[in-house]
N, C-alpha and C. Protein backbone atom coordinates (compact mmCIF):
# COMPACT_ATOMS: atom_id res chain seq x y z
N UNK A 1 5.18 7.58 3.98
CA UNK A 1 4.63 7.42 2.59
C UNK A 1 4.16 5.93 2.61
N UNK A 2 3.32 5.79 1.86
CA UNK A 2 2.63 4.44 1.74
C UNK A 2 2.92 4.00 0.14
N UNK A 3 3.31 2.95 -0.22
CA UNK A 3 3.37 1.98 -1.47
C UNK A 3 2.42 1.18 -1.78
N UNK A 4 2.17 0.86 -2.91
CA UNK A 4 1.15 -0.17 -3.35
C UNK A 4 1.57 -1.41 -3.27
N UNK A 5 3.06 -1.67 -3.31
CA UNK A 5 3.83 -2.71 -3.40
C UNK A 5 3.82 -3.48 -2.13
N UNK A 6 4.75 -4.50 -2.06
CA UNK A 6 4.92 -5.21 -0.78
C UNK A 6 6.38 -5.65 -0.69
N UNK A 7 6.81 -5.75 0.47
CA UNK A 7 8.08 -6.33 0.95
C UNK A 7 8.20 -7.75 0.51
N UNK A 8 9.51 -8.01 -0.18
CA UNK A 8 9.67 -9.10 -0.90
C UNK A 8 10.50 -9.99 -0.05
N UNK A 9 11.73 -9.26 0.58
CA UNK A 9 12.47 -9.62 1.36
C UNK A 9 13.41 -8.49 2.27
N UNK A 10 13.89 -9.17 3.40
CA UNK A 10 14.63 -8.20 4.04
C UNK A 10 16.03 -8.92 4.59
N UNK A 11 17.08 -8.16 4.81
CA UNK A 11 18.44 -8.37 5.30
C UNK A 11 18.69 -7.34 6.31
N UNK A 12 19.32 -7.82 7.44
CA UNK A 12 19.74 -7.22 8.27
C UNK A 12 21.20 -6.98 8.30
N UNK A 13 21.90 -5.99 7.96
CA UNK A 13 23.32 -5.33 7.99
C UNK A 13 23.96 -5.57 9.19
N UNK A 14 25.39 -6.42 9.14
CA UNK A 14 26.07 -6.61 10.20
C UNK A 14 27.50 -5.81 9.92
N UNK A 15 27.73 -5.09 10.64
CA UNK A 15 29.30 -4.44 10.61
C UNK A 15 30.37 -5.40 10.37
N UNK A 16 31.16 -5.33 9.43
CA UNK A 16 32.32 -6.32 9.02
C UNK A 16 31.51 -7.47 8.14
N UNK A 17 30.36 -7.36 7.48
CA UNK A 17 29.63 -8.36 6.82
C UNK A 17 29.01 -7.97 5.58
N UNK A 18 29.73 -7.13 4.93
CA UNK A 18 29.51 -6.42 3.66
C UNK A 18 28.91 -7.46 2.56
N UNK A 19 29.99 -8.50 2.56
CA UNK A 19 29.58 -9.46 1.43
C UNK A 19 28.31 -10.11 1.47
N UNK A 20 28.05 -10.33 2.77
CA UNK A 20 26.72 -10.79 2.80
C UNK A 20 25.48 -10.17 2.64
N UNK A 21 25.66 -8.81 2.65
CA UNK A 21 24.66 -8.05 1.98
C UNK A 21 24.67 -8.14 0.43
N UNK A 22 26.10 -7.93 -0.22
CA UNK A 22 25.90 -8.01 -1.66
C UNK A 22 25.49 -9.20 -2.08
N UNK A 23 25.62 -10.58 -1.19
CA UNK A 23 25.07 -11.71 -1.90
C UNK A 23 23.60 -11.77 -1.62
N UNK A 24 23.08 -11.22 -0.87
CA UNK A 24 21.69 -11.04 -0.42
C UNK A 24 20.90 -10.51 -1.92
N UNK A 25 21.76 -9.23 -2.10
CA UNK A 25 21.31 -8.24 -3.20
C UNK A 25 21.11 -9.26 -4.68
N UNK A 26 22.38 -10.01 -4.69
CA UNK A 26 22.31 -10.66 -5.80
C UNK A 26 21.76 -11.72 -5.82
N UNK A 27 21.17 -12.38 -4.73
CA UNK A 27 20.35 -13.65 -4.96
C UNK A 27 18.79 -13.35 -4.74
N UNK A 28 18.49 -12.17 -4.34
CA UNK A 28 17.07 -11.70 -4.27
C UNK A 28 16.74 -11.05 -5.66
N UNK A 29 17.61 -10.40 -6.39
CA UNK A 29 17.37 -9.50 -7.44
C UNK A 29 16.37 -10.44 -8.50
N UNK A 30 16.55 -11.40 -8.61
CA UNK A 30 15.60 -12.25 -9.44
C UNK A 30 14.02 -12.31 -9.23
N UNK A 31 13.86 -11.86 -7.82
CA UNK A 31 12.37 -11.84 -7.52
C UNK A 31 11.85 -10.62 -7.57
N UNK A 32 12.42 -9.61 -8.15
CA UNK A 32 11.96 -8.36 -8.64
C UNK A 32 11.69 -7.87 -10.11
N UNK A 33 10.89 -7.31 -10.63
CA UNK A 33 10.81 -7.03 -11.89
C UNK A 33 11.83 -5.91 -12.01
N UNK A 34 12.00 -5.13 -13.25
CA UNK A 34 12.86 -4.34 -13.42
C UNK A 34 12.93 -2.95 -12.53
N UNK A 35 14.21 -3.09 -11.86
CA UNK A 35 14.35 -1.80 -10.69
C UNK A 35 14.04 -0.59 -11.21
N UNK A 36 13.38 0.14 -10.40
CA UNK A 36 13.14 1.55 -10.70
C UNK A 36 13.69 2.61 -9.68
N UNK A 37 13.75 2.27 -8.58
CA UNK A 37 14.32 3.64 -7.53
C UNK A 37 14.65 2.82 -6.49
N UNK A 38 15.44 3.65 -5.77
CA UNK A 38 16.19 3.21 -4.24
C UNK A 38 16.11 4.34 -3.46
N UNK A 39 15.41 3.89 -2.34
CA UNK A 39 15.36 4.83 -1.08
C UNK A 39 16.48 4.65 0.09
N UNK A 40 17.10 5.62 0.37
CA UNK A 40 18.26 5.44 1.48
C UNK A 40 17.83 6.52 2.84
N UNK A 41 17.35 5.58 3.62
CA UNK A 41 17.53 6.74 5.04
C UNK A 41 18.51 6.48 6.09
N UNK A 42 18.72 6.90 7.17
CA UNK A 42 19.64 6.70 7.99
C UNK A 42 19.73 5.12 8.63
N UNK A 43 18.75 4.51 8.33
CA UNK A 43 18.87 3.16 9.00
C UNK A 43 18.53 2.02 7.95
N UNK A 44 18.15 2.35 6.88
CA UNK A 44 17.75 1.33 5.78
C UNK A 44 17.91 1.74 4.44
N UNK A 45 18.09 0.60 3.65
CA UNK A 45 18.25 1.04 2.00
C UNK A 45 17.03 -0.04 1.50
N UNK A 46 16.07 0.54 0.49
CA UNK A 46 14.80 -0.09 0.02
C UNK A 46 15.11 -0.02 -1.62
N UNK A 47 14.91 -1.14 -2.22
CA UNK A 47 15.07 -1.08 -3.58
C UNK A 47 13.77 -1.69 -4.03
N UNK A 48 13.28 -0.55 -4.83
CA UNK A 48 11.91 -0.96 -5.55
C UNK A 48 11.85 -1.20 -6.97
N UNK A 49 11.14 -2.19 -7.30
CA UNK A 49 10.83 -2.26 -8.69
C UNK A 49 9.68 -1.81 -9.21
N UNK A 50 9.29 -1.95 -10.81
CA UNK A 50 8.34 -1.11 -11.35
C UNK A 50 7.01 -1.33 -10.76
N UNK A 51 6.78 -2.44 -10.01
CA UNK A 51 5.43 -2.52 -9.48
C UNK A 51 5.38 -2.14 -8.17
N UNK A 52 6.34 -1.61 -7.78
CA UNK A 52 6.23 -1.19 -6.25
C UNK A 52 6.79 -1.97 -5.26
N UNK A 53 7.17 -3.41 -5.72
CA UNK A 53 7.53 -4.35 -4.57
C UNK A 53 8.78 -3.80 -4.43
N UNK A 54 9.49 -4.26 -3.19
CA UNK A 54 10.90 -3.87 -2.79
C UNK A 54 11.58 -4.93 -1.71
N UNK A 55 12.75 -4.95 -1.64
CA UNK A 55 13.51 -5.48 -0.60
C UNK A 55 14.32 -4.48 0.03
N UNK A 56 14.64 -4.92 1.34
CA UNK A 56 15.16 -4.09 2.27
C UNK A 56 16.27 -4.46 2.90
N UNK A 57 17.58 -3.59 3.08
CA UNK A 57 18.50 -4.04 3.85
C UNK A 57 18.56 -2.87 4.98
N UNK A 58 18.38 -3.40 6.28
CA UNK A 58 18.18 -2.82 7.32
C UNK A 58 19.59 -2.65 8.17
N UNK A 59 19.83 -1.45 8.82
CA UNK A 59 21.01 -1.40 9.76
C UNK A 59 22.22 -0.74 8.90
N UNK A 60 21.84 -0.05 7.69
CA UNK A 60 22.90 0.48 7.01
C UNK A 60 22.21 1.74 6.36
N UNK A 61 22.62 2.72 6.19
CA UNK A 61 21.88 4.01 5.73
C UNK A 61 22.77 4.84 5.15
N UNK A 62 22.48 6.23 4.62
CA UNK A 62 23.31 7.19 3.83
C UNK A 62 24.39 7.70 4.82
N UNK A 63 24.39 7.37 5.87
CA UNK A 63 25.64 7.88 6.70
C UNK A 63 26.76 6.91 6.98
N UNK A 64 26.47 5.70 6.49
CA UNK A 64 27.30 4.54 6.59
C UNK A 64 28.26 4.42 5.52
N UNK A 65 29.68 4.24 5.57
CA UNK A 65 30.70 4.15 4.45
C UNK A 65 30.04 2.98 3.37
N UNK A 66 29.47 1.88 4.16
CA UNK A 66 29.18 0.83 3.39
C UNK A 66 27.92 0.98 2.32
N UNK A 67 27.20 1.93 2.53
CA UNK A 67 26.19 2.29 1.54
C UNK A 67 26.71 2.30 0.13
N UNK A 68 27.91 2.63 0.17
CA UNK A 68 28.46 3.17 -1.44
C UNK A 68 28.33 1.91 -2.17
N UNK A 69 28.99 0.96 -1.46
CA UNK A 69 28.94 -0.56 -2.03
C UNK A 69 27.43 -1.23 -2.28
N UNK A 70 26.71 -0.88 -1.50
CA UNK A 70 25.16 -1.41 -1.71
C UNK A 70 24.57 -0.71 -2.97
N UNK A 71 24.59 0.51 -2.94
CA UNK A 71 24.21 1.43 -4.13
C UNK A 71 24.78 1.02 -5.12
N UNK A 72 25.89 0.72 -5.46
CA UNK A 72 26.58 0.44 -6.48
C UNK A 72 26.31 -1.16 -7.07
N UNK A 73 25.81 -1.62 -6.17
CA UNK A 73 25.39 -3.31 -6.37
C UNK A 73 24.22 -3.27 -7.21
N UNK A 74 23.40 -2.22 -7.02
CA UNK A 74 22.09 -2.34 -7.47
C UNK A 74 21.98 -0.91 -8.82
N UNK A 75 23.06 -1.02 -9.09
CA UNK A 75 23.09 0.31 -10.21
C UNK A 75 22.65 1.73 -10.25
N UNK A 76 22.92 2.15 -8.88
CA UNK A 76 22.28 3.52 -8.45
C UNK A 76 23.04 4.72 -9.03
N UNK A 77 22.79 5.42 -9.78
CA UNK A 77 23.63 6.75 -10.07
C UNK A 77 23.56 7.68 -8.63
N UNK A 78 24.58 7.99 -8.11
CA UNK A 78 24.77 8.81 -6.94
C UNK A 78 26.19 9.44 -7.01
N UNK A 79 26.28 10.46 -6.20
CA UNK A 79 27.55 11.03 -6.08
C UNK A 79 28.07 10.69 -4.56
N UNK A 80 29.03 9.87 -4.63
CA UNK A 80 29.90 9.20 -3.41
C UNK A 80 30.28 10.33 -2.53
N UNK A 81 30.53 11.36 -3.03
CA UNK A 81 31.00 12.45 -2.19
C UNK A 81 29.79 13.27 -1.30
N UNK A 82 28.68 13.12 -1.96
CA UNK A 82 27.55 13.71 -1.01
C UNK A 82 26.49 12.77 -0.50
N UNK A 83 26.85 11.48 -0.66
CA UNK A 83 25.81 10.60 -0.48
C UNK A 83 25.69 10.59 1.42
N UNK A 84 26.61 10.82 2.04
CA UNK A 84 26.68 10.69 3.22
C UNK A 84 26.11 12.16 4.16
N UNK A 85 25.97 13.28 3.38
CA UNK A 85 25.48 14.36 4.00
C UNK A 85 23.93 14.20 4.43
N UNK A 86 23.47 14.69 5.65
CA UNK A 86 22.23 14.64 6.03
C UNK A 86 21.37 15.40 5.32
N UNK A 87 20.06 14.75 5.50
CA UNK A 87 19.03 15.70 4.78
C UNK A 87 17.99 15.89 5.77
N UNK A 88 16.97 16.81 5.42
CA UNK A 88 15.91 17.08 6.32
C UNK A 88 14.60 16.13 6.24
N UNK A 89 14.84 15.45 5.20
CA UNK A 89 13.66 14.23 4.90
C UNK A 89 13.65 12.91 5.26
N UNK A 90 12.94 12.13 5.25
CA UNK A 90 12.88 10.96 5.82
C UNK A 90 14.07 9.96 5.31
N UNK A 91 14.08 10.25 3.88
CA UNK A 91 15.08 9.35 3.08
C UNK A 91 15.57 10.14 1.80
N UNK A 92 16.72 9.71 1.23
CA UNK A 92 16.99 9.99 -0.08
C UNK A 92 16.36 9.19 -1.17
N UNK A 93 16.20 9.76 -2.47
CA UNK A 93 15.72 8.59 -3.42
C UNK A 93 16.15 8.72 -4.69
N UNK A 94 16.58 7.59 -5.37
CA UNK A 94 17.30 7.90 -6.58
C UNK A 94 16.86 6.77 -7.59
N UNK A 95 16.89 7.03 -8.81
CA UNK A 95 16.22 6.34 -9.81
C UNK A 95 17.47 5.41 -10.15
N UNK A 96 17.29 3.99 -10.46
CA UNK A 96 17.95 3.06 -10.74
C UNK A 96 18.30 3.14 -12.50
N UNK A 97 18.99 3.94 -12.93
CA UNK A 97 19.24 4.05 -14.57
C UNK A 97 20.33 3.89 -15.10
N UNK A 98 21.23 3.79 -14.05
CA UNK A 98 22.68 3.74 -14.42
C UNK A 98 23.12 2.42 -15.22
N UNK A 99 23.82 2.78 -16.36
CA UNK A 99 24.17 1.52 -17.09
C UNK A 99 25.81 1.67 -17.51
N UNK A 100 26.41 0.26 -17.61
CA UNK A 100 27.79 0.59 -18.04
C UNK A 100 27.77 0.63 -19.43
N UNK A 101 28.39 1.60 -19.89
CA UNK A 101 28.86 1.96 -21.22
C UNK A 101 29.69 0.91 -22.07
N UNK A 102 29.52 0.44 -23.13
CA UNK A 102 29.86 -0.67 -23.70
C UNK A 102 31.36 -0.24 -23.98
N UNK A 103 31.85 1.13 -23.92
CA UNK A 103 33.20 1.24 -24.45
C UNK A 103 34.20 1.83 -23.21
N UNK A 104 33.51 1.83 -22.13
CA UNK A 104 33.86 2.74 -21.02
C UNK A 104 35.29 2.30 -20.51
N UNK A 105 35.99 1.03 -20.85
CA UNK A 105 37.07 0.55 -20.64
C UNK A 105 38.33 0.86 -21.60
N UNK A 106 37.58 1.46 -22.75
CA UNK A 106 38.66 1.79 -23.72
C UNK A 106 39.31 3.03 -23.73
N UNK A 107 40.61 2.80 -23.85
CA UNK A 107 41.28 4.04 -24.03
C UNK A 107 41.39 4.63 -25.40
N UNK A 108 41.26 5.99 -25.51
CA UNK A 108 41.22 6.51 -26.76
C UNK A 108 42.16 7.26 -27.24
């Protein structure tokens, strides 16, 4: 599948170094416009903006436990119980529209 955008940055995931990936996502986030979607394969996670530009975390995919933290770091709505299930497609795709509700932490 071809995209009209370009790769802005890449980071190689190393086991036991999840914090490095989260720092990479935080640091490179400002280089993209508003986030639009996330694609997750068995080997990489790509985060796309509205212009089609993206950054990639290679070495981690939907089968890995650490992908949950990566997806949460970029506000991706997904089901943590089913994210690890294999699919026949090349990747899974999610829109990045999740927002924190202002009263989510209040008890009524």
